[in-house]
Amino acid sequence: MAITQIFIYLQLLDLLTTLVGFRIGAGEASPFIRMLMHAGPAIGVLASKMVALTLGAVCVYQRKYHLMRWASYWYGLLVVWNLAVILTAPSHAIHG
C-alpha cells in the first residue's frame, strides 16, 4: 500500500512542479505530453497524470507493485529535475 501512496504523491508533485515550470517559462521535454498540450498546458499535463494514474491502477489490480516502484523512481527523478529547473531559473522569471 505504501508504494501506491508514494506513486500518487509523486504524480501530484510532478504535476505541481511542471505547472510551476511552465509559469516561469520552462518547456516540456516529453513529445507525448507536448502533443497533449495542444488543448492547453494545464490540460495536457492533467491528461498525462490521468494516464499515469490509470496505469498505476492497472498495476495495483494486477498486483504488479514492482512496476509501480520502478515508475516511482522515474517520477521521483522527474520531480528533482523539475525542481532543479525551477531553482536555476533566472530570478526575474520567478518574480514577474
N, C-alpha and C. Protein backbone atom coordinates (compact mmCIF):
# COMPACT_ATOMS: atom_id res chain seq x y z
N MET A 1 0.82 -1.20 0.00
CA MET A 1 0.00 0.00 0.00
C MET A 1 0.86 1.26 0.00
N ALA A 2 2.02 1.23 0.64
CA ALA A 2 2.87 2.41 0.70
C ALA A 2 3.35 2.83 -0.68
N ILE A 3 3.68 1.87 -1.56
CA ILE A 3 4.17 2.23 -2.88
C ILE A 3 3.07 2.92 -3.68
N THR A 4 1.83 2.53 -3.47
CA THR A 4 0.70 3.18 -4.15
C THR A 4 0.59 4.63 -3.71
N GLN A 5 0.71 4.87 -2.42
CA GLN A 5 0.64 6.23 -1.89
C GLN A 5 1.81 7.07 -2.41
N ILE A 6 3.00 6.50 -2.43
CA ILE A 6 4.16 7.21 -2.95
C ILE A 6 3.97 7.55 -4.42
N PHE A 7 3.46 6.59 -5.20
CA PHE A 7 3.22 6.81 -6.62
C PHE A 7 2.25 7.98 -6.83
N ILE A 8 1.16 7.99 -6.09
CA ILE A 8 0.16 9.06 -6.22
C ILE A 8 0.76 10.40 -5.80
N TYR A 9 1.49 10.40 -4.70
CA TYR A 9 2.13 11.62 -4.21
C TYR A 9 3.11 12.17 -5.25
N LEU A 10 3.89 11.30 -5.87
CA LEU A 10 4.84 11.75 -6.90
C LEU A 10 4.11 12.28 -8.13
N GLN A 11 2.94 11.73 -8.45
CA GLN A 11 2.16 12.27 -9.56
C GLN A 11 1.74 13.70 -9.26
N LEU A 12 1.30 13.93 -8.04
CA LEU A 12 0.90 15.28 -7.63
C LEU A 12 2.10 16.23 -7.66
N LEU A 13 3.22 15.78 -7.13
CA LEU A 13 4.42 16.64 -7.14
C LEU A 13 4.88 16.94 -8.56
N ASP A 14 4.83 15.95 -9.44
CA ASP A 14 5.21 16.18 -10.83
C ASP A 14 4.27 17.17 -11.48
N LEU A 15 2.98 17.03 -11.23
CA LEU A 15 2.00 17.96 -11.78
C LEU A 15 2.30 19.39 -11.32
N LEU A 16 2.46 19.56 -10.02
CA LEU A 16 2.68 20.90 -9.48
C LEU A 16 3.99 21.52 -9.94
N THR A 17 5.07 20.74 -9.92
CA THR A 17 6.36 21.30 -10.33
C THR A 17 6.39 21.58 -11.83
N THR A 18 5.69 20.77 -12.62
CA THR A 18 5.62 21.03 -14.05
C THR A 18 4.86 22.33 -14.32
N LEU A 19 3.74 22.51 -13.64
CA LEU A 19 2.96 23.74 -13.83
C LEU A 19 3.74 24.98 -13.39
N VAL A 20 4.48 24.87 -12.30
CA VAL A 20 5.33 25.99 -11.87
C VAL A 20 6.40 26.25 -12.93
N GLY A 21 6.98 25.18 -13.46
CA GLY A 21 7.98 25.34 -14.51
C GLY A 21 7.42 26.05 -15.73
N PHE A 22 6.20 25.69 -16.13
CA PHE A 22 5.56 26.38 -17.26
C PHE A 22 5.38 27.86 -16.94
N ARG A 23 5.00 28.13 -15.71
CA ARG A 23 4.75 29.52 -15.28
C ARG A 23 6.00 30.38 -15.40
N ILE A 24 7.17 29.77 -15.19
CA ILE A 24 8.40 30.55 -15.28
C ILE A 24 9.06 30.45 -16.65
N GLY A 25 8.38 29.81 -17.58
CA GLY A 25 8.87 29.78 -18.95
C GLY A 25 9.57 28.52 -19.39
N ALA A 26 9.59 27.50 -18.58
CA ALA A 26 10.22 26.23 -18.97
C ALA A 26 9.35 25.52 -20.00
N GLY A 27 9.96 24.68 -20.79
CA GLY A 27 9.23 23.91 -21.79
C GLY A 27 9.03 22.47 -21.34
N GLU A 28 8.32 21.73 -22.14
CA GLU A 28 8.08 20.31 -21.87
C GLU A 28 8.96 19.47 -22.76
N ALA A 29 9.67 18.52 -22.17
CA ALA A 29 10.60 17.67 -22.93
C ALA A 29 9.91 16.47 -23.57
N SER A 30 8.84 15.99 -22.97
CA SER A 30 8.19 14.77 -23.46
C SER A 30 7.34 15.06 -24.71
N PRO A 31 7.62 14.35 -25.80
CA PRO A 31 6.80 14.54 -27.01
C PRO A 31 5.33 14.16 -26.77
N PHE A 32 5.09 13.14 -25.96
CA PHE A 32 3.72 12.71 -25.67
C PHE A 32 2.95 13.82 -24.97
N ILE A 33 3.56 14.42 -23.95
CA ILE A 33 2.87 15.49 -23.21
C ILE A 33 2.75 16.74 -24.06
N ARG A 34 3.76 17.04 -24.88
CA ARG A 34 3.66 18.18 -25.79
C ARG A 34 2.47 18.01 -26.73
N MET A 35 2.24 16.78 -27.18
CA MET A 35 1.08 16.51 -28.04
C MET A 35 -0.22 16.79 -27.28
N LEU A 36 -0.28 16.35 -26.04
CA LEU A 36 -1.48 16.57 -25.23
C LEU A 36 -1.69 18.06 -24.92
N MET A 37 -0.63 18.83 -24.95
CA MET A 37 -0.71 20.24 -24.58
C MET A 37 -1.36 21.11 -25.65
N HIS A 38 -1.73 20.55 -26.79
CA HIS A 38 -2.41 21.35 -27.80
C HIS A 38 -3.73 21.88 -27.27
N ALA A 39 -4.29 21.23 -26.28
CA ALA A 39 -5.52 21.70 -25.62
C ALA A 39 -5.21 22.72 -24.54
N GLY A 40 -3.95 22.96 -24.27
CA GLY A 40 -3.51 23.88 -23.22
C GLY A 40 -2.53 23.18 -22.31
N PRO A 41 -1.58 23.93 -21.75
CA PRO A 41 -0.55 23.30 -20.91
C PRO A 41 -1.11 22.55 -19.71
N ALA A 42 -2.01 23.17 -18.98
CA ALA A 42 -2.55 22.52 -17.78
C ALA A 42 -3.37 21.28 -18.17
N ILE A 43 -4.16 21.40 -19.24
CA ILE A 43 -4.98 20.26 -19.68
C ILE A 43 -4.08 19.10 -20.11
N GLY A 44 -3.02 19.41 -20.83
CA GLY A 44 -2.10 18.37 -21.28
C GLY A 44 -1.43 17.63 -20.14
N VAL A 45 -0.97 18.38 -19.15
CA VAL A 45 -0.31 17.74 -18.01
C VAL A 45 -1.32 16.96 -17.18
N LEU A 46 -2.51 17.51 -17.00
CA LEU A 46 -3.56 16.78 -16.26
C LEU A 46 -3.93 15.49 -16.99
N ALA A 47 -4.01 15.55 -18.31
CA ALA A 47 -4.32 14.34 -19.07
C ALA A 47 -3.23 13.29 -18.90
N SER A 48 -1.97 13.73 -18.89
CA SER A 48 -0.87 12.77 -18.72
C SER A 48 -0.90 12.16 -17.32
N LYS A 49 -1.33 12.93 -16.33
CA LYS A 49 -1.44 12.40 -14.97
C LYS A 49 -2.58 11.38 -14.88
N MET A 50 -3.65 11.63 -15.63
CA MET A 50 -4.75 10.67 -15.65
C MET A 50 -4.29 9.35 -16.28
N VAL A 51 -3.49 9.45 -17.34
CA VAL A 51 -2.93 8.24 -17.96
C VAL A 51 -2.05 7.50 -16.95
N ALA A 52 -1.17 8.24 -16.27
CA ALA A 52 -0.26 7.62 -15.30
C ALA A 52 -1.04 6.96 -14.16
N LEU A 53 -2.06 7.65 -13.65
CA LEU A 53 -2.84 7.08 -12.55
C LEU A 53 -3.64 5.86 -13.01
N THR A 54 -4.10 5.88 -14.25
CA THR A 54 -4.80 4.72 -14.78
C THR A 54 -3.86 3.53 -14.89
N LEU A 55 -2.65 3.78 -15.40
CA LEU A 55 -1.66 2.70 -15.48
C LEU A 55 -1.29 2.21 -14.09
N GLY A 56 -1.20 3.12 -13.12
CA GLY A 56 -0.95 2.73 -11.75
C GLY A 56 -2.06 1.85 -11.20
N ALA A 57 -3.30 2.19 -11.52
CA ALA A 57 -4.44 1.38 -11.07
C ALA A 57 -4.39 -0.01 -11.70
N VAL A 58 -3.97 -0.10 -12.96
CA VAL A 58 -3.82 -1.41 -13.60
C VAL A 58 -2.75 -2.22 -12.88
N CYS A 59 -1.66 -1.56 -12.50
CA CYS A 59 -0.60 -2.26 -11.76
C CYS A 59 -1.12 -2.80 -10.42
N VAL A 60 -1.91 -1.99 -9.73
CA VAL A 60 -2.48 -2.44 -8.45
C VAL A 60 -3.42 -3.61 -8.69
N TYR A 61 -4.29 -3.49 -9.69
CA TYR A 61 -5.25 -4.55 -9.99
C TYR A 61 -4.53 -5.86 -10.31
N GLN A 62 -3.42 -5.77 -11.07
CA GLN A 62 -2.69 -6.97 -11.46
C GLN A 62 -1.57 -7.32 -10.48
N ARG A 63 -1.53 -6.60 -9.38
CA ARG A 63 -0.52 -6.83 -8.33
C ARG A 63 0.91 -6.76 -8.86
N LYS A 64 1.15 -5.79 -9.72
CA LYS A 64 2.48 -5.55 -10.30
C LYS A 64 3.14 -4.37 -9.58
N TYR A 65 3.29 -4.52 -8.28
CA TYR A 65 3.80 -3.43 -7.47
C TYR A 65 5.24 -3.08 -7.83
N HIS A 66 5.99 -4.04 -8.34
CA HIS A 66 7.37 -3.75 -8.74
C HIS A 66 7.39 -2.75 -9.89
N LEU A 67 6.39 -2.78 -10.76
CA LEU A 67 6.33 -1.79 -11.84
C LEU A 67 6.04 -0.40 -11.30
N MET A 68 5.18 -0.33 -10.29
CA MET A 68 4.91 0.96 -9.65
C MET A 68 6.15 1.49 -8.95
N ARG A 69 6.92 0.59 -8.39
CA ARG A 69 8.15 1.01 -7.71
C ARG A 69 9.12 1.62 -8.73
N TRP A 70 9.30 0.95 -9.87
CA TRP A 70 10.20 1.50 -10.90
C TRP A 70 9.67 2.81 -11.46
N ALA A 71 8.37 2.90 -11.68
CA ALA A 71 7.78 4.14 -12.16
C ALA A 71 7.95 5.25 -11.13
N SER A 72 7.88 4.90 -9.86
CA SER A 72 8.05 5.90 -8.80
C SER A 72 9.47 6.44 -8.78
N TYR A 73 10.46 5.58 -9.04
CA TYR A 73 11.83 6.08 -9.16
C TYR A 73 11.92 7.10 -10.29
N TRP A 74 11.31 6.76 -11.42
CA TRP A 74 11.32 7.65 -12.59
C TRP A 74 10.65 8.99 -12.26
N TYR A 75 9.47 8.94 -11.66
CA TYR A 75 8.77 10.18 -11.33
C TYR A 75 9.50 10.96 -10.24
N GLY A 76 10.16 10.27 -9.34
CA GLY A 76 10.99 10.96 -8.35
C GLY A 76 12.09 11.75 -9.02
N LEU A 77 12.73 11.14 -10.01
CA LEU A 77 13.78 11.85 -10.76
C LEU A 77 13.20 13.03 -11.54
N LEU A 78 12.01 12.87 -12.09
CA LEU A 78 11.37 13.97 -12.81
C LEU A 78 11.08 15.15 -11.88
N VAL A 79 10.62 14.85 -10.68
CA VAL A 79 10.35 15.92 -9.71
C VAL A 79 11.64 16.65 -9.35
N VAL A 80 12.71 15.89 -9.14
CA VAL A 80 14.01 16.52 -8.84
C VAL A 80 14.45 17.39 -10.02
N TRP A 81 14.28 16.88 -11.24
CA TRP A 81 14.63 17.64 -12.44
C TRP A 81 13.80 18.94 -12.51
N ASN A 82 12.50 18.81 -12.30
CA ASN A 82 11.65 20.00 -12.33
C ASN A 82 12.08 21.02 -11.28
N LEU A 83 12.40 20.56 -10.09
CA LEU A 83 12.85 21.47 -9.04
C LEU A 83 14.16 22.14 -9.42
N ALA A 84 15.07 21.39 -10.04
CA ALA A 84 16.34 21.98 -10.48
C ALA A 84 16.10 23.05 -11.53
N VAL A 85 15.19 22.79 -12.45
CA VAL A 85 14.85 23.80 -13.48
C VAL A 85 14.27 25.04 -12.82
N ILE A 86 13.37 24.84 -11.87
CA ILE A 86 12.75 25.97 -11.18
C ILE A 86 13.79 26.77 -10.40
N LEU A 87 14.64 26.07 -9.67
CA LEU A 87 15.62 26.76 -8.82
C LEU A 87 16.72 27.43 -9.60
N THR A 88 16.99 26.98 -10.81
CA THR A 88 18.05 27.60 -11.61
C THR A 88 17.51 28.62 -12.61
N ALA A 89 16.20 28.85 -12.58
CA ALA A 89 15.61 29.84 -13.48
C ALA A 89 16.10 31.23 -13.08
N PRO A 90 16.26 32.11 -14.06
CA PRO A 90 16.64 33.47 -13.72
C PRO A 90 15.64 34.08 -12.74
N SER A 91 16.14 34.85 -11.80
CA SER A 91 15.27 35.38 -10.74
C SER A 91 14.17 36.27 -11.29
N HIS A 92 14.41 36.95 -12.41
CA HIS A 92 13.36 37.81 -12.95
C HIS A 92 12.17 37.00 -13.48
N ALA A 93 12.42 35.76 -13.88
CA ALA A 93 11.32 34.94 -14.38
C ALA A 93 10.43 34.49 -13.23
N ILE A 94 10.98 34.28 -12.06
CA ILE A 94 10.20 33.83 -10.92
C ILE A 94 9.39 34.99 -10.33
N HIS A 95 9.95 36.17 -10.32
CA HIS A 95 9.30 37.31 -9.67
C HIS A 95 8.44 38.14 -10.61
N GLY A 96 8.32 37.77 -11.82
CA GLY A 96 7.42 38.52 -12.68
C GLY A 96 7.99 38.73 -13.99
